Amino acid sequence: MNGKLYLVIIHGVDPWKDSKEVERKNQALIQAVAKRFPEYSDIFGGIVAQTVERGSDKGWNTVEDKASIQSSVANSK
């Protein structure tokens, strides 16, 4: 992550069917946090959404840097 500090959000979810499903959940979480707390970008180089499946040790990480998050947020308006 190139020496940058990233905000990590860990959330537990019900079991998922495939990687596309959990990736959509993580992307939605990243977008929601970035929209609700735009000041995150004053400190962090990006956001990591870490999903943990309830009842197992299965996990999935999505890493987005600040530039791609800001671009996505701007495109969703």
PDB file of N, CA and C in Angstrom:
ATOM      1  N   MET A   1       0.820  -1.193   0.000  1.00  0.00           N
ATOM      2  CA  MET A   1       0.000   0.000   0.000  1.00  0.00           C
ATOM      3  C   MET A   1       0.863   1.255   0.000  1.00  0.00           C
ATOM      4  N   ASN A   2       2.060   1.097  -0.438  1.00  0.00           N
ATOM      5  CA  ASN A   2       2.957   2.216  -0.700  1.00  0.00           C
ATOM      6  C   ASN A   2       3.186   3.142   0.486  1.00  0.00           C
ATOM      7  N   GLY A   3       3.256   2.604   1.697  1.00  0.00           N
ATOM      8  CA  GLY A   3       3.549   3.425   2.859  1.00  0.00           C
ATOM      9  C   GLY A   3       2.422   4.344   3.281  1.00  0.00           C
ATOM     10  N   LYS A   4       1.252   4.158   2.736  1.00  0.00           N
ATOM     11  CA  LYS A   4       0.104   4.998   3.091  1.00  0.00           C
ATOM     12  C   LYS A   4      -0.704   4.329   4.189  1.00  0.00           C
ATOM     13  N   LEU A   5      -1.383   5.135   4.956  1.00  0.00           N
ATOM     14  CA  LEU A   5      -2.262   4.661   6.012  1.00  0.00           C
ATOM     15  C   LEU A   5      -3.663   4.464   5.427  1.00  0.00           C
ATOM     16  N   TYR A   6      -4.241   3.281   5.619  1.00  0.00           N
ATOM     17  CA  TYR A   6      -5.573   2.976   5.110  1.00  0.00           C
ATOM     18  C   TYR A   6      -6.539   2.755   6.269  1.00  0.00           C
ATOM     19  N   LEU A   7      -7.773   3.171   6.066  1.00  0.00           N
ATOM     20  CA  LEU A   7      -8.840   2.907   7.018  1.00  0.00           C
ATOM     21  C   LEU A   7      -9.336   1.487   6.774  1.00  0.00           C
ATOM     22  N   VAL A   8      -9.355   0.651   7.817  1.00  0.00           N
ATOM     23  CA  VAL A   8      -9.813  -0.729   7.685  1.00  0.00           C
ATOM     24  C   VAL A   8     -11.140  -0.874   8.411  1.00  0.00           C
ATOM     25  N   ILE A   9     -12.136  -1.387   7.683  1.00  0.00           N
ATOM     26  CA  ILE A   9     -13.460  -1.629   8.241  1.00  0.00           C
ATOM     27  C   ILE A   9     -13.713  -3.126   8.163  1.00  0.00           C
ATOM     28  N   ILE A  10     -13.949  -3.738   9.305  1.00  0.00           N
ATOM     29  CA  ILE A  10     -14.204  -5.171   9.361  1.00  0.00           C
ATOM     30  C   ILE A  10     -15.682  -5.366   9.668  1.00  0.00           C
ATOM     31  N   HIS A  11     -16.349  -6.163   8.829  1.00  0.00           N
ATOM     32  CA  HIS A  11     -17.767  -6.410   9.087  1.00  0.00           C
ATOM     33  C   HIS A  11     -18.094  -7.874   8.877  1.00  0.00           C
ATOM     34  N   GLY A  12     -18.986  -8.368   9.720  1.00  0.00           N
ATOM     35  CA  GLY A  12     -19.440  -9.747   9.638  1.00  0.00           C
ATOM     36  C   GLY A  12     -20.711  -9.832   8.808  1.00  0.00           C
ATOM     37  N   VAL A  13     -20.766 -10.823   7.942  1.00  0.00           N
ATOM     38  CA  VAL A  13     -21.936 -11.004   7.086  1.00  0.00           C
ATOM     39  C   VAL A  13     -22.342 -12.476   7.075  1.00  0.00           C
ATOM     40  N   ASP A  14     -23.567 -12.711   6.624  1.00  0.00           N
ATOM     41  CA  ASP A  14     -24.031 -14.079   6.438  1.00  0.00           C
ATOM     42  C   ASP A  14     -23.229 -14.734   5.323  1.00  0.00           C
ATOM     43  N   PRO A  15     -23.210 -16.064   5.260  1.00  0.00           N
ATOM     44  CA  PRO A  15     -22.453 -16.742   4.200  1.00  0.00           C
ATOM     45  C   PRO A  15     -22.828 -16.223   2.811  1.00  0.00           C
ATOM     46  N   TRP A  16     -21.830 -16.105   1.958  1.00  0.00           N
ATOM     47  CA  TRP A  16     -22.073 -15.625   0.606  1.00  0.00           C
ATOM     48  C   TRP A  16     -21.891 -16.756  -0.399  1.00  0.00           C
ATOM     49  N   LYS A  17     -22.517 -16.569  -1.564  1.00  0.00           N
ATOM     50  CA  LYS A  17     -22.513 -17.611  -2.596  1.00  0.00           C
ATOM     51  C   LYS A  17     -21.244 -17.601  -3.433  1.00  0.00           C
ATOM     52  N   ASP A  18     -20.780 -16.397  -3.792  1.00  0.00           N
ATOM     53  CA  ASP A  18     -19.585 -16.323  -4.633  1.00  0.00           C
ATOM     54  C   ASP A  18     -18.838 -15.018  -4.371  1.00  0.00           C
ATOM     55  N   SER A  19     -17.659 -14.909  -4.948  1.00  0.00           N
ATOM     56  CA  SER A  19     -16.815 -13.741  -4.700  1.00  0.00           C
ATOM     57  C   SER A  19     -17.431 -12.454  -5.253  1.00  0.00           C
ATOM     58  N   LYS A  20     -18.196 -12.545  -6.319  1.00  0.00           N
ATOM     59  CA  LYS A  20     -18.834 -11.344  -6.871  1.00  0.00           C
ATOM     60  C   LYS A  20     -19.825 -10.742  -5.881  1.00  0.00           C
ATOM     61  N   GLU A  21     -20.549 -11.579  -5.183  1.00  0.00           N
ATOM     62  CA  GLU A  21     -21.532 -11.109  -4.200  1.00  0.00           C
ATOM     63  C   GLU A  21     -20.852 -10.361  -3.052  1.00  0.00           C
ATOM     64  N   VAL A  22     -19.806 -10.939  -2.498  1.00  0.00           N
ATOM     65  CA  VAL A  22     -19.136 -10.309  -1.357  1.00  0.00           C
ATOM     66  C   VAL A  22     -18.361  -9.069  -1.805  1.00  0.00           C
ATOM     67  N   GLU A  23     -17.834  -9.078  -3.019  1.00  0.00           N
ATOM     68  CA  GLU A  23     -17.142  -7.900  -3.542  1.00  0.00           C
ATOM     69  C   GLU A  23     -18.125  -6.738  -3.686  1.00  0.00           C
ATOM     70  N   ARG A  24     -19.345  -7.007  -4.153  1.00  0.00           N
ATOM     71  CA  ARG A  24     -20.371  -5.954  -4.256  1.00  0.00           C
ATOM     72  C   ARG A  24     -20.686  -5.373  -2.881  1.00  0.00           C
ATOM     73  N   LYS A  25     -20.785  -6.235  -1.880  1.00  0.00           N
ATOM     74  CA  LYS A  25     -21.058  -5.765  -0.514  1.00  0.00           C
ATOM     75  C   LYS A  25     -19.926  -4.867  -0.018  1.00  0.00           C
ATOM     76  N   ASN A  26     -18.695  -5.282  -0.258  1.00  0.00           N
ATOM     77  CA  ASN A  26     -17.556  -4.478   0.183  1.00  0.00           C
ATOM     78  C   ASN A  26     -17.499  -3.144  -0.549  1.00  0.00           C
ATOM     79  N   GLN A  27     -17.732  -3.157  -1.854  1.00  0.00           N
ATOM     80  CA  GLN A  27     -17.718  -1.918  -2.623  1.00  0.00           C
ATOM     81  C   GLN A  27     -18.812  -0.970  -2.129  1.00  0.00           C
ATOM     82  N   ALA A  28     -19.989  -1.511  -1.843  1.00  0.00           N
ATOM     83  CA  ALA A  28     -21.091  -0.680  -1.335  1.00  0.00           C
ATOM     84  C   ALA A  28     -20.728  -0.078   0.019  1.00  0.00           C
ATOM     85  N   LEU A  29     -20.079  -0.847   0.876  1.00  0.00           N
ATOM     86  CA  LEU A  29     -19.658  -0.342   2.177  1.00  0.00           C
ATOM     87  C   LEU A  29     -18.623   0.770   2.020  1.00  0.00           C
ATOM     88  N   ILE A  30     -17.652   0.564   1.158  1.00  0.00           N
ATOM     89  CA  ILE A  30     -16.619   1.590   0.921  1.00  0.00           C
ATOM     90  C   ILE A  30     -17.270   2.872   0.423  1.00  0.00           C
ATOM     91  N   GLN A  31     -18.175   2.757  -0.536  1.00  0.00           N
ATOM     92  CA  GLN A  31     -18.843   3.942  -1.083  1.00  0.00           C
ATOM     93  C   GLN A  31     -19.676   4.659  -0.019  1.00  0.00           C
ATOM     94  N   ALA A  32     -20.381   3.897   0.802  1.00  0.00           N
ATOM     95  CA  ALA A  32     -21.217   4.498   1.849  1.00  0.00           C
ATOM     96  C   ALA A  32     -20.355   5.263   2.863  1.00  0.00           C
ATOM     97  N   VAL A  33     -19.246   4.683   3.270  1.00  0.00           N
ATOM     98  CA  VAL A  33     -18.365   5.346   4.228  1.00  0.00           C
ATOM     99  C   VAL A  33     -17.766   6.604   3.614  1.00  0.00           C
ATOM    100  N   ALA A  34     -17.324   6.508   2.366  1.00  0.00           N
ATOM    101  CA  ALA A  34     -16.710   7.663   1.701  1.00  0.00           C
ATOM    102  C   ALA A  34     -17.707   8.807   1.534  1.00  0.00           C
ATOM    103  N   LYS A  35     -18.954   8.478   1.239  1.00  0.00           N
ATOM    104  CA  LYS A  35     -19.979   9.527   1.089  1.00  0.00           C
ATOM    105  C   LYS A  35     -20.343  10.139   2.440  1.00  0.00           C
ATOM    106  N   ARG A  36     -20.461   9.295   3.456  1.00  0.00           N
ATOM    107  CA  ARG A  36     -20.877   9.763   4.781  1.00  0.00           C
ATOM    108  C   ARG A  36     -19.769  10.517   5.496  1.00  0.00           C
ATOM    109  N   PHE A  37     -18.526  10.092   5.287  1.00  0.00           N
ATOM    110  CA  PHE A  37     -17.382  10.689   5.968  1.00  0.00           C
ATOM    111  C   PHE A  37     -16.310  11.088   4.957  1.00  0.00           C
ATOM    112  N   PRO A  38     -16.574  12.073   4.115  1.00  0.00           N
ATOM    113  CA  PRO A  38     -15.597  12.446   3.083  1.00  0.00           C
ATOM    114  C   PRO A  38     -14.266  12.916   3.663  1.00  0.00           C
ATOM    115  N   GLU A  39     -14.274  13.333   4.910  1.00  0.00           N
ATOM    116  CA  GLU A  39     -13.038  13.796   5.538  1.00  0.00           C
ATOM    117  C   GLU A  39     -12.044  12.657   5.777  1.00  0.00           C
ATOM    118  N   TYR A  40     -12.469  11.393   5.577  1.00  0.00           N
ATOM    119  CA  TYR A  40     -11.528  10.277   5.713  1.00  0.00           C
ATOM    120  C   TYR A  40     -10.302  10.525   4.831  1.00  0.00           C
ATOM    121  N   SER A  41     -10.526  11.164   3.668  1.00  0.00           N
ATOM    122  CA  SER A  41      -9.446  11.349   2.695  1.00  0.00           C
ATOM    123  C   SER A  41      -8.405  12.377   3.142  1.00  0.00           C
ATOM    124  N   ASP A  42      -8.710  13.130   4.193  1.00  0.00           N
ATOM    125  CA  ASP A  42      -7.718  14.053   4.746  1.00  0.00           C
ATOM    126  C   ASP A  42      -6.587  13.300   5.456  1.00  0.00           C
ATOM    127  N   ILE A  43      -6.884  12.090   5.888  1.00  0.00           N
ATOM    128  CA  ILE A  43      -5.935  11.319   6.682  1.00  0.00           C
ATOM    129  C   ILE A  43      -5.492  10.035   5.976  1.00  0.00           C
ATOM    130  N   PHE A  44      -6.449   9.332   5.377  1.00  0.00           N
ATOM    131  CA  PHE A  44      -6.183   7.991   4.849  1.00  0.00           C
ATOM    132  C   PHE A  44      -5.956   7.990   3.342  1.00  0.00           C
ATOM    133  N   GLY A  45      -5.113   7.063   2.893  1.00  0.00           N
ATOM    134  CA  GLY A  45      -4.835   6.891   1.471  1.00  0.00           C
ATOM    135  C   GLY A  45      -5.870   6.053   0.764  1.00  0.00           C
ATOM    136  N   GLY A  46      -6.790   5.459   1.533  1.00  0.00           N
ATOM    137  CA  GLY A  46      -7.837   4.625   0.959  1.00  0.00           C
ATOM    138  C   GLY A  46      -8.585   3.887   2.052  1.00  0.00           C
ATOM    139  N   ILE A  47      -9.440   2.976   1.619  1.00  0.00           N
ATOM    140  CA  ILE A  47     -10.269   2.204   2.548  1.00  0.00           C
ATOM    141  C   ILE A  47     -10.146   0.723   2.210  1.00  0.00           C
ATOM    142  N   VAL A  48     -10.054  -0.096   3.254  1.00  0.00           N
ATOM    143  CA  VAL A  48     -10.077  -1.544   3.120  1.00  0.00           C
ATOM    144  C   VAL A  48     -11.358  -2.037   3.780  1.00  0.00           C
ATOM    145  N   ALA A  49     -12.183  -2.745   3.025  1.00  0.00           N
ATOM    146  CA  ALA A  49     -13.365  -3.400   3.592  1.00  0.00           C
ATOM    147  C   ALA A  49     -13.015  -4.874   3.748  1.00  0.00           C
ATOM    148  N   GLN A  50     -13.034  -5.344   4.978  1.00  0.00           N
ATOM    149  CA  GLN A  50     -12.711  -6.738   5.266  1.00  0.00           C
ATOM    150  C   GLN A  50     -13.978  -7.432   5.744  1.00  0.00           C
ATOM    151  N   THR A  51     -14.439  -8.378   4.959  1.00  0.00           N
ATOM    152  CA  THR A  51     -15.644  -9.128   5.287  1.00  0.00           C
ATOM    153  C   THR A  51     -15.250 -10.446   5.929  1.00  0.00           C
ATOM    154  N   VAL A  52     -15.934 -10.784   7.007  1.00  0.00           N
ATOM    155  CA  VAL A  52     -15.736 -12.061   7.674  1.00  0.00           C
ATOM    156  C   VAL A  52     -17.082 -12.766   7.690  1.00  0.00           C
ATOM    157  N   GLU A  53     -17.085 -14.003   7.211  1.00  0.00           N
ATOM    158  CA  GLU A  53     -18.325 -14.774   7.172  1.00  0.00           C
ATOM    159  C   GLU A  53     -18.661 -15.279   8.565  1.00  0.00           C
ATOM    160  N   ARG A  54     -19.889 -14.984   8.997  1.00  0.00           N
ATOM    161  CA  ARG A  54     -20.330 -15.447  10.323  1.00  0.00           C
ATOM    162  C   ARG A  54     -20.302 -16.971  10.378  1.00  0.00           C
ATOM    163  N   GLY A  55     -19.782 -17.492  11.473  1.00  0.00           N
ATOM    164  CA  GLY A  55     -19.775 -18.936  11.681  1.00  0.00           C
ATOM    165  C   GLY A  55     -18.640 -19.669  10.982  1.00  0.00           C
ATOM    166  N   SER A  56     -17.707 -18.942  10.379  1.00  0.00           N
ATOM    167  CA  SER A  56     -16.576 -19.603   9.736  1.00  0.00           C
ATOM    168  C   SER A  56     -15.347 -18.697   9.821  1.00  0.00           C
ATOM    169  N   ASP A  57     -14.263 -19.151   9.253  1.00  0.00           N
ATOM    170  CA  ASP A  57     -13.059 -18.317   9.221  1.00  0.00           C
ATOM    171  C   ASP A  57     -12.816 -17.756   7.819  1.00  0.00           C
ATOM    172  N   LYS A  58     -13.838 -17.839   6.973  1.00  0.00           N
ATOM    173  CA  LYS A  58     -13.721 -17.333   5.608  1.00  0.00           C
ATOM    174  C   LYS A  58     -13.795 -15.809   5.598  1.00  0.00           C
ATOM    175  N   GLY A  59     -12.918 -15.185   4.810  1.00  0.00           N
ATOM    176  CA  GLY A  59     -12.905 -13.734   4.730  1.00  0.00           C
ATOM    177  C   GLY A  59     -12.633 -13.254   3.322  1.00  0.00           C
ATOM    178  N   TRP A  60     -12.879 -11.973   3.088  1.00  0.00           N
ATOM    179  CA  TRP A  60     -12.650 -11.351   1.782  1.00  0.00           C
ATOM    180  C   TRP A  60     -12.276  -9.895   2.008  1.00  0.00           C
ATOM    181  N   ASN A  61     -11.221  -9.445   1.354  1.00  0.00           N
ATOM    182  CA  ASN A  61     -10.770  -8.066   1.470  1.00  0.00           C
ATOM    183  C   ASN A  61     -10.925  -7.332   0.149  1.00  0.00           C
ATOM    184  N   THR A  62     -11.366  -6.102   0.233  1.00  0.00           N
ATOM    185  CA  THR A  62     -11.415  -5.205  -0.914  1.00  0.00           C
ATOM    186  C   THR A  62     -10.643  -3.952  -0.532  1.00  0.00           C
ATOM    187  N   VAL A  63      -9.665  -3.587  -1.349  1.00  0.00           N
ATOM    188  CA  VAL A  63      -8.825  -2.427  -1.090  1.00  0.00           C
ATOM    189  C   VAL A  63      -9.051  -1.412  -2.205  1.00  0.00           C
ATOM    190  N   GLU A  64      -9.388  -0.196  -1.823  1.00  0.00           N
ATOM    191  CA  GLU A  64      -9.579   0.883  -2.790  1.00  0.00           C
ATOM    192  C   GLU A  64      -8.762   2.085  -2.350  1.00  0.00           C
ATOM    193  N   ASP A  65      -8.007   2.651  -3.280  1.00  0.00           N
ATOM    194  CA  ASP A  65      -7.269   3.855  -2.932  1.00  0.00           C
ATOM    195  C   ASP A  65      -8.173   5.077  -3.059  1.00  0.00           C
ATOM    196  N   LYS A  66      -7.733   6.160  -2.458  1.00  0.00           N
ATOM    197  CA  LYS A  66      -8.528   7.387  -2.368  1.00  0.00           C
ATOM    198  C   LYS A  66      -8.964   7.885  -3.745  1.00  0.00           C
ATOM    199  N   ALA A  67      -8.076   7.865  -4.720  1.00  0.00           N
ATOM    200  CA  ALA A  67      -8.406   8.383  -6.055  1.00  0.00           C
ATOM    201  C   ALA A  67      -9.538   7.593  -6.704  1.00  0.00           C
ATOM    202  N   SER A  68      -9.493   6.266  -6.604  1.00  0.00           N
ATOM    203  CA  SER A  68     -10.561   5.471  -7.231  1.00  0.00           C
ATOM    204  C   SER A  68     -11.872   5.613  -6.477  1.00  0.00           C
ATOM    205  N   ILE A  69     -11.820   5.770  -5.167  1.00  0.00           N
ATOM    206  CA  ILE A  69     -13.046   5.981  -4.387  1.00  0.00           C
ATOM    207  C   ILE A  69     -13.679   7.311  -4.763  1.00  0.00           C
ATOM    208  N   GLN A  70     -12.864   8.350  -4.810  1.00  0.00           N
ATOM    209  CA  GLN A  70     -13.399   9.673  -5.150  1.00  0.00           C
ATOM    210  C   GLN A  70     -13.984   9.691  -6.553  1.00  0.00           C
ATOM    211  N   SER A  71     -13.368   8.982  -7.479  1.00  0.00           N
ATOM    212  CA  SER A  71     -13.892   8.889  -8.841  1.00  0.00           C
ATOM    213  C   SER A  71     -15.242   8.173  -8.857  1.00  0.00           C
ATOM    214  N   SER A  72     -15.350   7.068  -8.116  1.00  0.00           N
ATOM    215  CA  SER A  72     -16.598   6.317  -8.052  1.00  0.00           C
ATOM    216  C   SER A  72     -17.718   7.120  -7.406  1.00  0.00           C
ATOM    217  N   VAL A  73     -17.381   7.823  -6.329  1.00  0.00           N
ATOM    218  CA  VAL A  73     -18.385   8.652  -5.651  1.00  0.00           C
ATOM    219  C   VAL A  73     -18.876   9.755  -6.580  1.00  0.00           C
ATOM    220  N   ALA A  74     -17.959  10.397  -7.300  1.00  0.00           N
ATOM    221  CA  ALA A  74     -18.324  11.462  -8.219  1.00  0.00           C
ATOM    222  C   ALA A  74     -19.209  10.938  -9.353  1.00  0.00           C
ATOM    223  N   ASN A  75     -18.922   9.731  -9.837  1.00  0.00           N
ATOM    224  CA  ASN A  75     -19.696   9.139 -10.925  1.00  0.00           C
ATOM    225  C   ASN A  75     -21.072   8.672 -10.477  1.00  0.00           C
ATOM    226  N   SER A  76     -21.248   8.457  -9.169  1.00  0.00           N
ATOM    227  CA  SER A  76     -22.535   7.955  -8.680  1.00  0.00           C
ATOM    228  C   SER A  76     -23.509   9.082  -8.344  1.00  0.00           C
ATOM    229  N   LYS A  77     -23.080  10.314  -8.494  1.00  0.00           N
ATOM    230  CA  LYS A  77     -23.965  11.456  -8.175  1.00  0.00           C
ATOM    231  C   LYS A  77     -24.881  11.769  -9.324  1.00  0.00           C
TER     232      LYS A  77
END
